[in-house]
mmCIF file of all heavy atoms, coordinates in Angstrom:
data_MODEL
# 
_entry.id   MODEL 
# 
loop_
_atom_site.group_PDB 
_atom_site.id 
_atom_site.type_symbol 
_atom_site.label_atom_id 
_atom_site.label_alt_id 
_atom_site.label_comp_id 
_atom_site.label_asym_id 
_atom_site.label_entity_id 
_atom_site.label_seq_id 
_atom_site.pdbx_PDB_ins_code 
_atom_site.Cartn_x 
_atom_site.Cartn_y 
_atom_site.Cartn_z 
_atom_site.occupancy 
_atom_site.B_iso_or_equiv 
_atom_site.pdbx_formal_charge 
_atom_site.auth_seq_id 
_atom_site.auth_comp_id 
_atom_site.auth_asym_id 
_atom_site.auth_atom_id 
_atom_site.pdbx_PDB_model_num 
ATOM 1   N N   . ALA A 1 1  ? 4.892  34.775 -97.311  1.00 0.00 ? 1  ALA A N   1 
ATOM 2   C CA  . ALA A 1 1  ? 4.261  33.833 -96.385  1.00 0.00 ? 1  ALA A CA  1 
ATOM 3   C C   . ALA A 1 1  ? 5.119  33.706 -95.141  1.00 0.00 ? 1  ALA A C   1 
ATOM 4   O O   . ALA A 1 1  ? 6.274  34.146 -95.106  1.00 0.00 ? 1  ALA A O   1 
ATOM 5   C CB  . ALA A 1 1  ? 4.104  32.454 -97.045  1.00 0.00 ? 1  ALA A CB  1 
ATOM 6   N N   . VAL A 1 2  ? 4.545  33.062 -94.146  1.00 0.00 ? 2  VAL A N   1 
ATOM 7   C CA  . VAL A 1 2  ? 5.344  32.554 -93.030  1.00 0.00 ? 2  VAL A CA  1 
ATOM 8   C C   . VAL A 1 2  ? 5.810  31.166 -93.444  1.00 0.00 ? 2  VAL A C   1 
ATOM 9   O O   . VAL A 1 2  ? 5.011  30.322 -93.831  1.00 0.00 ? 2  VAL A O   1 
ATOM 10  C CB  . VAL A 1 2  ? 4.538  32.484 -91.732  1.00 0.00 ? 2  VAL A CB  1 
ATOM 11  C CG1 . VAL A 1 2  ? 5.377  31.881 -90.607  1.00 0.00 ? 2  VAL A CG1 1 
ATOM 12  C CG2 . VAL A 1 2  ? 4.053  33.874 -91.343  1.00 0.00 ? 2  VAL A CG2 1 
ATOM 13  N N   . TYR A 1 3  ? 7.093  30.944 -93.366  1.00 0.00 ? 3  TYR A N   1 
ATOM 14  C CA  . TYR A 1 3  ? 7.678  29.670 -93.757  1.00 0.00 ? 3  TYR A CA  1 
ATOM 15  C C   . TYR A 1 3  ? 8.082  28.877 -92.516  1.00 0.00 ? 3  TYR A C   1 
ATOM 16  O O   . TYR A 1 3  ? 8.744  29.404 -91.620  1.00 0.00 ? 3  TYR A O   1 
ATOM 17  C CB  . TYR A 1 3  ? 8.908  29.893 -94.657  1.00 0.00 ? 3  TYR A CB  1 
ATOM 18  C CG  . TYR A 1 3  ? 8.542  30.288 -96.060  1.00 0.00 ? 3  TYR A CG  1 
ATOM 19  C CD1 . TYR A 1 3  ? 8.109  31.591 -96.360  1.00 0.00 ? 3  TYR A CD1 1 
ATOM 20  C CD2 . TYR A 1 3  ? 8.630  29.377 -97.105  1.00 0.00 ? 3  TYR A CD2 1 
ATOM 21  C CE1 . TYR A 1 3  ? 7.765  31.947 -97.639  1.00 0.00 ? 3  TYR A CE1 1 
ATOM 22  C CE2 . TYR A 1 3  ? 8.288  29.738 -98.391  1.00 0.00 ? 3  TYR A CE2 1 
ATOM 23  C CZ  . TYR A 1 3  ? 7.851  31.026 -98.658  1.00 0.00 ? 3  TYR A CZ  1 
ATOM 24  O OH  . TYR A 1 3  ? 7.502  31.384 -99.945  1.00 0.00 ? 3  TYR A OH  1 
ATOM 25  N N   . PHE A 1 4  ? 7.656  27.640 -92.474  1.00 0.00 ? 4  PHE A N   1 
ATOM 26  C CA  . PHE A 1 4  ? 7.930  26.748 -91.369  1.00 0.00 ? 4  PHE A CA  1 
ATOM 27  C C   . PHE A 1 4  ? 8.760  25.564 -91.841  1.00 0.00 ? 4  PHE A C   1 
ATOM 28  O O   . PHE A 1 4  ? 8.538  25.038 -92.934  1.00 0.00 ? 4  PHE A O   1 
ATOM 29  C CB  . PHE A 1 4  ? 6.645  26.161 -90.768  1.00 0.00 ? 4  PHE A CB  1 
ATOM 30  C CG  . PHE A 1 4  ? 5.684  27.172 -90.221  1.00 0.00 ? 4  PHE A CG  1 
ATOM 31  C CD1 . PHE A 1 4  ? 4.688  27.722 -91.009  1.00 0.00 ? 4  PHE A CD1 1 
ATOM 32  C CD2 . PHE A 1 4  ? 5.746  27.550 -88.886  1.00 0.00 ? 4  PHE A CD2 1 
ATOM 33  C CE1 . PHE A 1 4  ? 3.788  28.632 -90.506  1.00 0.00 ? 4  PHE A CE1 1 
ATOM 34  C CE2 . PHE A 1 4  ? 4.848  28.462 -88.364  1.00 0.00 ? 4  PHE A CE2 1 
ATOM 35  C CZ  . PHE A 1 4  ? 3.867  29.001 -89.172  1.00 0.00 ? 4  PHE A CZ  1 
ATOM 36  N N   . CYS A 1 5  ? 9.679  25.127 -91.011  1.00 0.00 ? 5  CYS A N   1 
ATOM 37  C CA  . CYS A 1 5  ? 10.245 23.803 -91.194  1.00 0.00 ? 5  CYS A CA  1 
ATOM 38  C C   . CYS A 1 5  ? 9.597  22.867 -90.183  1.00 0.00 ? 5  CYS A C   1 
ATOM 39  O O   . CYS A 1 5  ? 9.328  23.253 -89.036  1.00 0.00 ? 5  CYS A O   1 
ATOM 40  C CB  . CYS A 1 5  ? 11.779 23.782 -91.098  1.00 0.00 ? 5  CYS A CB  1 
ATOM 41  S SG  . CYS A 1 5  ? 12.529 24.481 -89.630  1.00 0.00 ? 5  CYS A SG  1 
ATOM 42  N N   . VAL A 1 6  ? 9.362  21.640 -90.611  1.00 0.00 ? 6  VAL A N   1 
ATOM 43  C CA  . VAL A 1 6  ? 8.523  20.702 -89.879  1.00 0.00 ? 6  VAL A CA  1 
ATOM 44  C C   . VAL A 1 6  ? 9.082  19.310 -90.012  1.00 0.00 ? 6  VAL A C   1 
ATOM 45  O O   . VAL A 1 6  ? 9.599  18.940 -91.064  1.00 0.00 ? 6  VAL A O   1 
ATOM 46  C CB  . VAL A 1 6  ? 7.066  20.722 -90.404  1.00 0.00 ? 6  VAL A CB  1 
ATOM 47  C CG1 . VAL A 1 6  ? 6.171  19.770 -89.606  1.00 0.00 ? 6  VAL A CG1 1 
ATOM 48  C CG2 . VAL A 1 6  ? 6.489  22.131 -90.354  1.00 0.00 ? 6  VAL A CG2 1 
ATOM 49  N N   . ARG A 1 7  ? 8.946  18.508 -88.957  1.00 0.00 ? 7  ARG A N   1 
ATOM 50  C CA  . ARG A 1 7  ? 9.284  17.104 -89.047  1.00 0.00 ? 7  ARG A CA  1 
ATOM 51  C C   . ARG A 1 7  ? 8.020  16.298 -89.263  1.00 0.00 ? 7  ARG A C   1 
ATOM 52  O O   . ARG A 1 7  ? 6.971  16.584 -88.672  1.00 0.00 ? 7  ARG A O   1 
ATOM 53  C CB  . ARG A 1 7  ? 9.985  16.601 -87.764  1.00 0.00 ? 7  ARG A CB  1 
ATOM 54  C CG  . ARG A 1 7  ? 10.536 15.196 -87.929  1.00 0.00 ? 7  ARG A CG  1 
ATOM 55  C CD  . ARG A 1 7  ? 11.240 14.685 -86.674  1.00 0.00 ? 7  ARG A CD  1 
ATOM 56  N NE  . ARG A 1 7  ? 10.284 14.231 -85.672  1.00 0.00 ? 7  ARG A NE  1 
ATOM 57  C CZ  . ARG A 1 7  ? 10.614 13.489 -84.606  1.00 0.00 ? 7  ARG A CZ  1 
ATOM 58  N NH1 . ARG A 1 7  ? 11.893 13.136 -84.423  1.00 0.00 ? 7  ARG A NH1 1 
ATOM 59  N NH2 . ARG A 1 7  ? 9.702  13.117 -83.738  1.00 0.00 ? 7  ARG A NH2 1 
ATOM 60  N N   . SER A 1 8  ? 8.112  15.301 -90.120  1.00 0.00 ? 8  SER A N   1 
ATOM 61  C CA  . SER A 1 8  ? 6.999  14.376 -90.353  1.00 0.00 ? 8  SER A CA  1 
ATOM 62  C C   . SER A 1 8  ? 7.442  12.969 -90.006  1.00 0.00 ? 8  SER A C   1 
ATOM 63  O O   . SER A 1 8  ? 8.496  12.522 -90.440  1.00 0.00 ? 8  SER A O   1 
ATOM 64  C CB  . SER A 1 8  ? 6.564  14.442 -91.817  1.00 0.00 ? 8  SER A CB  1 
ATOM 65  O OG  . SER A 1 8  ? 5.511  13.556 -92.077  1.00 0.00 ? 8  SER A OG  1 
ATOM 66  N N   . GLY A 1 9  ? 6.624  12.279 -89.226  1.00 0.00 ? 9  GLY A N   1 
ATOM 67  C CA  . GLY A 1 9  ? 6.920  10.914 -88.836  1.00 0.00 ? 9  GLY A CA  1 
ATOM 68  C C   . GLY A 1 9  ? 6.431  9.898  -89.833  1.00 0.00 ? 9  GLY A C   1 
ATOM 69  O O   . GLY A 1 9  ? 5.859  10.239 -90.875  1.00 0.00 ? 9  GLY A O   1 
ATOM 70  N N   . PRO A 1 10 ? 6.642  8.626  -89.540  1.00 0.00 ? 10 PRO A N   1 
ATOM 71  C CA  . PRO A 1 10 ? 6.262  7.549  -90.470  1.00 0.00 ? 10 PRO A CA  1 
ATOM 72  C C   . PRO A 1 10 ? 4.806  7.551  -90.872  1.00 0.00 ? 10 PRO A C   1 
ATOM 73  O O   . PRO A 1 10 ? 4.471  7.170  -91.994  1.00 0.00 ? 10 PRO A O   1 
ATOM 74  C CB  . PRO A 1 10 ? 6.638  6.265  -89.711  1.00 0.00 ? 10 PRO A CB  1 
ATOM 75  C CG  . PRO A 1 10 ? 7.683  6.683  -88.735  1.00 0.00 ? 10 PRO A CG  1 
ATOM 76  C CD  . PRO A 1 10 ? 7.328  8.090  -88.332  1.00 0.00 ? 10 PRO A CD  1 
ATOM 77  N N   . ALA A 1 11 ? 3.922  7.938  -89.965  1.00 0.00 ? 11 ALA A N   1 
ATOM 78  C CA  . ALA A 1 11 ? 2.500  7.975  -90.252  1.00 0.00 ? 11 ALA A CA  1 
ATOM 79  C C   . ALA A 1 11 ? 2.065  9.286  -90.887  1.00 0.00 ? 11 ALA A C   1 
ATOM 80  O O   . ALA A 1 11 ? 0.868  9.474  -91.134  1.00 0.00 ? 11 ALA A O   1 
ATOM 81  C CB  . ALA A 1 11 ? 1.701  7.727  -88.971  1.00 0.00 ? 11 ALA A CB  1 
ATOM 82  N N   . GLY A 1 12 ? 2.986  10.159 -91.154  1.00 0.00 ? 12 GLY A N   1 
ATOM 83  C CA  . GLY A 1 12 ? 2.654  11.427 -91.783  1.00 0.00 ? 12 GLY A CA  1 
ATOM 84  C C   . GLY A 1 12 ? 2.322  12.551 -90.850  1.00 0.00 ? 12 GLY A C   1 
ATOM 85  O O   . GLY A 1 12 ? 1.951  13.639 -91.307  1.00 0.00 ? 12 GLY A O   1 
ATOM 86  N N   . ALA A 1 13 ? 2.426  12.324 -89.562  1.00 0.00 ? 13 ALA A N   1 
ATOM 87  C CA  . ALA A 1 13 ? 2.121  13.377 -88.588  1.00 0.00 ? 13 ALA A CA  1 
ATOM 88  C C   . ALA A 1 13 ? 3.221  14.418 -88.576  1.00 0.00 ? 13 ALA A C   1 
ATOM 89  O O   . ALA A 1 13 ? 4.408  14.102 -88.563  1.00 0.00 ? 13 ALA A O   1 
ATOM 90  C CB  . ALA A 1 13 ? 1.974  12.776 -87.202  1.00 0.00 ? 13 ALA A CB  1 
ATOM 91  N N   . TRP A 1 14 ? 2.798  15.666 -88.599  1.00 0.00 ? 14 TRP A N   1 
ATOM 92  C CA  . TRP A 1 14 ? 3.747  16.780 -88.507  1.00 0.00 ? 14 TRP A CA  1 
ATOM 93  C C   . TRP A 1 14 ? 3.939  17.086 -87.025  1.00 0.00 ? 14 TRP A C   1 
ATOM 94  O O   . TRP A 1 14 ? 3.236  17.926 -86.445  1.00 0.00 ? 14 TRP A O   1 
ATOM 95  C CB  . TRP A 1 14 ? 3.186  17.982 -89.254  1.00 0.00 ? 14 TRP A CB  1 
ATOM 96  C CG  . TRP A 1 14 ? 3.029  17.732 -90.725  1.00 0.00 ? 14 TRP A CG  1 
ATOM 97  C CD1 . TRP A 1 14 ? 3.490  16.657 -91.445  1.00 0.00 ? 14 TRP A CD1 1 
ATOM 98  C CD2 . TRP A 1 14 ? 2.355  18.579 -91.667  1.00 0.00 ? 14 TRP A CD2 1 
ATOM 99  N NE1 . TRP A 1 14 ? 3.133  16.776 -92.778  1.00 0.00 ? 14 TRP A NE1 1 
ATOM 100 C CE2 . TRP A 1 14 ? 2.434  17.967 -92.924  1.00 0.00 ? 14 TRP A CE2 1 
ATOM 101 C CE3 . TRP A 1 14 ? 1.682  19.808 -91.558  1.00 0.00 ? 14 TRP A CE3 1 
ATOM 102 C CZ2 . TRP A 1 14 ? 1.883  18.516 -94.075  1.00 0.00 ? 14 TRP A CZ2 1 
ATOM 103 C CZ3 . TRP A 1 14 ? 1.142  20.364 -92.688  1.00 0.00 ? 14 TRP A CZ3 1 
ATOM 104 C CH2 . TRP A 1 14 ? 1.244  19.726 -93.941  1.00 0.00 ? 14 TRP A CH2 1 
ATOM 105 N N   . ASP A 1 15 ? 4.889  16.408 -86.404  1.00 0.00 ? 15 ASP A N   1 
ATOM 106 C CA  . ASP A 1 15 ? 4.947  16.392 -84.955  1.00 0.00 ? 15 ASP A CA  1 
ATOM 107 C C   . ASP A 1 15 ? 5.758  17.507 -84.327  1.00 0.00 ? 15 ASP A C   1 
ATOM 108 O O   . ASP A 1 15 ? 5.498  17.862 -83.163  1.00 0.00 ? 15 ASP A O   1 
ATOM 109 C CB  . ASP A 1 15 ? 5.406  15.021 -84.453  1.00 0.00 ? 15 ASP A CB  1 
ATOM 110 C CG  . ASP A 1 15 ? 6.736  14.568 -85.043  1.00 0.00 ? 15 ASP A CG  1 
ATOM 111 O OD1 . ASP A 1 15 ? 7.353  15.313 -85.826  1.00 0.00 ? 15 ASP A OD1 1 
ATOM 112 O OD2 . ASP A 1 15 ? 7.166  13.431 -84.704  1.00 0.00 ? 15 ASP A OD2 1 
ATOM 113 N N   . TYR A 1 16 ? 6.713  18.035 -85.032  1.00 0.00 ? 16 TYR A N   1 
ATOM 114 C CA  . TYR A 1 16 ? 7.511  19.147 -84.516  1.00 0.00 ? 16 TYR A CA  1 
ATOM 115 C C   . TYR A 1 16 ? 7.616  20.211 -85.560  1.00 0.00 ? 16 TYR A C   1 
ATOM 116 O O   . TYR A 1 16 ? 7.847  19.945 -86.736  1.00 0.00 ? 16 TYR A O   1 
ATOM 117 C CB  . TYR A 1 16 ? 8.904  18.680 -84.072  1.00 0.00 ? 16 TYR A CB  1 
ATOM 118 C CG  . TYR A 1 16 ? 8.898  17.846 -82.824  1.00 0.00 ? 16 TYR A CG  1 
ATOM 119 C CD1 . TYR A 1 16 ? 8.890  16.457 -82.892  1.00 0.00 ? 16 TYR A CD1 1 
ATOM 120 C CD2 . TYR A 1 16 ? 8.877  18.456 -81.565  1.00 0.00 ? 16 TYR A CD2 1 
ATOM 121 C CE1 . TYR A 1 16 ? 8.863  15.682 -81.747  1.00 0.00 ? 16 TYR A CE1 1 
ATOM 122 C CE2 . TYR A 1 16 ? 8.857  17.693 -80.415  1.00 0.00 ? 16 TYR A CE2 1 
ATOM 123 C CZ  . TYR A 1 16 ? 8.847  16.320 -80.510  1.00 0.00 ? 16 TYR A CZ  1 
ATOM 124 O OH  . TYR A 1 16 ? 8.827  15.563 -79.371  1.00 0.00 ? 16 TYR A OH  1 
ATOM 125 N N   . TRP A 1 17 ? 7.448  21.454 -85.087  1.00 0.00 ? 17 TRP A N   1 
ATOM 126 C CA  . TRP A 1 17 ? 7.448  22.627 -85.948  1.00 0.00 ? 17 TRP A CA  1 
ATOM 127 C C   . TRP A 1 17 ? 8.462  23.648 -85.489  1.00 0.00 ? 17 TRP A C   1 
ATOM 128 O O   . TRP A 1 17 ? 8.690  23.796 -84.281  1.00 0.00 ? 17 TRP A O   1 
ATOM 129 C CB  . TRP A 1 17 ? 6.083  23.310 -85.940  1.00 0.00 ? 17 TRP A CB  1 
ATOM 130 C CG  . TRP A 1 17 ? 4.959  22.545 -86.546  1.00 0.00 ? 17 TRP A CG  1 
ATOM 131 C CD1 . TRP A 1 17 ? 4.457  21.343 -86.150  1.00 0.00 ? 17 TRP A CD1 1 
ATOM 132 C CD2 . TRP A 1 17 ? 4.167  22.960 -87.665  1.00 0.00 ? 17 TRP A CD2 1 
ATOM 133 N NE1 . TRP A 1 17 ? 3.407  20.969 -86.954  1.00 0.00 ? 17 TRP A NE1 1 
ATOM 134 C CE2 . TRP A 1 17 ? 3.202  21.943 -87.877  1.00 0.00 ? 17 TRP A CE2 1 
ATOM 135 C CE3 . TRP A 1 17 ? 4.176  24.092 -88.493  1.00 0.00 ? 17 TRP A CE3 1 
ATOM 136 C CZ2 . TRP A 1 17 ? 2.240  22.035 -88.896  1.00 0.00 ? 17 TRP A CZ2 1 
ATOM 137 C CZ3 . TRP A 1 17 ? 3.225  24.176 -89.506  1.00 0.00 ? 17 TRP A CZ3 1 
ATOM 138 C CH2 . TRP A 1 17 ? 2.289  23.160 -89.698  1.00 0.00 ? 17 TRP A CH2 1 
ATOM 139 N N   . GLY A 1 18 ? 9.041  24.349 -86.427  1.00 0.00 ? 18 GLY A N   1 
ATOM 140 C CA  . GLY A 1 18 ? 9.760  25.564 -86.074  1.00 0.00 ? 18 GLY A CA  1 
ATOM 141 C C   . GLY A 1 18 ? 8.764  26.677 -85.765  1.00 0.00 ? 18 GLY A C   1 
ATOM 142 O O   . GLY A 1 18 ? 7.561  26.537 -85.974  1.00 0.00 ? 18 GLY A O   1 
ATOM 143 N N   . GLN A 1 19 ? 9.266  27.766 -85.267  1.00 0.00 ? 19 GLN A N   1 
ATOM 144 C CA  . GLN A 1 19 ? 8.396  28.871 -84.904  1.00 0.00 ? 19 GLN A CA  1 
ATOM 145 C C   . GLN A 1 19 ? 7.857  29.615 -86.123  1.00 0.00 ? 19 GLN A C   1 
ATOM 146 O O   . GLN A 1 19 ? 6.893  30.371 -86.011  1.00 0.00 ? 19 GLN A O   1 
ATOM 147 C CB  . GLN A 1 19 ? 9.135  29.863 -83.998  1.00 0.00 ? 19 GLN A CB  1 
ATOM 148 C CG  . GLN A 1 19 ? 10.282 30.583 -84.673  1.00 0.00 ? 19 GLN A CG  1 
ATOM 149 C CD  . GLN A 1 19 ? 11.053 31.480 -83.731  1.00 0.00 ? 19 GLN A CD  1 
ATOM 150 O OE1 . GLN A 1 19 ? 11.703 31.004 -82.806  1.00 0.00 ? 19 GLN A OE1 1 
ATOM 151 N NE2 . GLN A 1 19 ? 10.945 32.786 -83.960  1.00 0.00 ? 19 GLN A NE2 1 
ATOM 152 N N   . GLY A 1 20 ? 8.449  29.417 -87.258  1.00 0.00 ? 20 GLY A N   1 
ATOM 153 C CA  . GLY A 1 20 ? 8.069  30.099 -88.464  1.00 0.00 ? 20 GLY A CA  1 
ATOM 154 C C   . GLY A 1 20 ? 8.859  31.386 -88.646  1.00 0.00 ? 20 GLY A C   1 
ATOM 155 O O   . GLY A 1 20 ? 9.236  32.039 -87.687  1.00 0.00 ? 20 GLY A O   1 
ATOM 156 N N   . THR A 1 21 ? 9.090  31.730 -89.887  1.00 0.00 ? 21 THR A N   1 
ATOM 157 C CA  . THR A 1 21 ? 9.762  32.988 -90.189  1.00 0.00 ? 21 THR A CA  1 
ATOM 158 C C   . THR A 1 21 ? 9.008  33.688 -91.318  1.00 0.00 ? 21 THR A C   1 
ATOM 159 O O   . THR A 1 21 ? 8.665  33.066 -92.329  1.00 0.00 ? 21 THR A O   1 
ATOM 160 C CB  . THR A 1 21 ? 11.255 32.776 -90.546  1.00 0.00 ? 21 THR A CB  1 
ATOM 161 O OG1 . THR A 1 21 ? 11.900 34.044 -90.688  1.00 0.00 ? 21 THR A OG1 1 
ATOM 162 C CG2 . THR A 1 21 ? 11.418 31.971 -91.828  1.00 0.00 ? 21 THR A CG2 1 
ATOM 163 N N   . GLN A 1 22 ? 8.766  34.961 -91.142  1.00 0.00 ? 22 GLN A N   1 
ATOM 164 C CA  . GLN A 1 22 ? 8.048  35.750 -92.148  1.00 0.00 ? 22 GLN A CA  1 
ATOM 165 C C   . GLN A 1 22 ? 8.996  36.115 -93.268  1.00 0.00 ? 22 GLN A C   1 
ATOM 166 O O   . GLN A 1 22 ? 10.086 36.645 -93.023  1.00 0.00 ? 22 GLN A O   1 
ATOM 167 C CB  . GLN A 1 22 ? 7.484  37.022 -91.515  1.00 0.00 ? 22 GLN A CB  1 
ATOM 168 C CG  . GLN A 1 22 ? 6.810  37.957 -92.488  1.00 0.00 ? 22 GLN A CG  1 
ATOM 169 C CD  . GLN A 1 22 ? 5.491  37.427 -93.003  1.00 0.00 ? 22 GLN A CD  1 
ATOM 170 O OE1 . GLN A 1 22 ? 4.681  36.926 -92.235  1.00 0.00 ? 22 GLN A OE1 1 
ATOM 171 N NE2 . GLN A 1 22 ? 5.273  37.533 -94.324  1.00 0.00 ? 22 GLN A NE2 1 
ATOM 172 N N   . VAL A 1 23 ? 8.573  35.846 -94.488  1.00 0.00 ? 23 VAL A N   1 
ATOM 173 C CA  . VAL A 1 23 ? 9.305  36.257 -95.650  1.00 0.00 ? 23 VAL A CA  1 
ATOM 174 C C   . VAL A 1 23 ? 8.388  37.102 -96.529  1.00 0.00 ? 23 VAL A C   1 
ATOM 175 O O   . VAL A 1 23 ? 7.324  36.641 -96.965  1.00 0.00 ? 23 VAL A O   1 
ATOM 176 C CB  . VAL A 1 23 ? 9.835  35.071 -96.478  1.00 0.00 ? 23 VAL A CB  1 
ATOM 177 C CG1 . VAL A 1 23 ? 10.584 35.568 -97.709  1.00 0.00 ? 23 VAL A CG1 1 
ATOM 178 C CG2 . VAL A 1 23 ? 10.758 34.201 -95.624  1.00 0.00 ? 23 VAL A CG2 1 
ATOM 179 N N   . ASN A 1 24 ? 8.793  38.317 -96.759  1.00 0.00 ? 24 ASN A N   1 
ATOM 180 C CA  . ASN A 1 24 ? 8.056  39.231 -97.610  1.00 0.00 ? 24 ASN A CA  1 
ATOM 181 C C   . ASN A 1 24 ? 8.759  39.362 -98.956  1.00 0.00 ? 24 ASN A C   1 
ATOM 182 O O   . ASN A 1 24 ? 9.974  39.598 -99.004  1.00 0.00 ? 24 ASN A O   1 
ATOM 183 C CB  . ASN A 1 24 ? 7.924  40.610 -96.977  1.00 0.00 ? 24 ASN A CB  1 
ATOM 184 C CG  . ASN A 1 24 ? 7.098  40.576 -95.718  1.00 0.00 ? 24 ASN A CG  1 
ATOM 185 O OD1 . ASN A 1 24 ? 6.010  39.983 -95.689  1.00 0.00 ? 24 ASN A OD1 1 
ATOM 186 N ND2 . ASN A 1 24 ? 7.566  41.236 -94.662  1.00 0.00 ? 24 ASN A ND2 1 
ATOM 187 N N   . VAL A 1 25 ? 8.004  39.211 -100.025 1.00 0.00 ? 25 VAL A N   1 
ATOM 188 C CA  . VAL A 1 25 ? 8.513  39.431 -101.366 1.00 0.00 ? 25 VAL A CA  1 
ATOM 189 C C   . VAL A 1 25 ? 7.987  40.770 -101.838 1.00 0.00 ? 25 VAL A C   1 
ATOM 190 O O   . VAL A 1 25 ? 6.778  40.915 -102.103 1.00 0.00 ? 25 VAL A O   1 
ATOM 191 C CB  . VAL A 1 25 ? 8.136  38.306 -102.324 1.00 0.00 ? 25 VAL A CB  1 
ATOM 192 C CG1 . VAL A 1 25 ? 8.690  38.587 -103.712 1.00 0.00 ? 25 VAL A CG1 1 
ATOM 193 C CG2 . VAL A 1 25 ? 8.650  36.962 -101.809 1.00 0.00 ? 25 VAL A CG2 1 
# 
């Protein structure tokens, strides 16, 4: 998958995202 790290605020909004990184198994 493409794996993202993300910030979530108090209301649950995913407001900031990393660009994502592809991981192949």
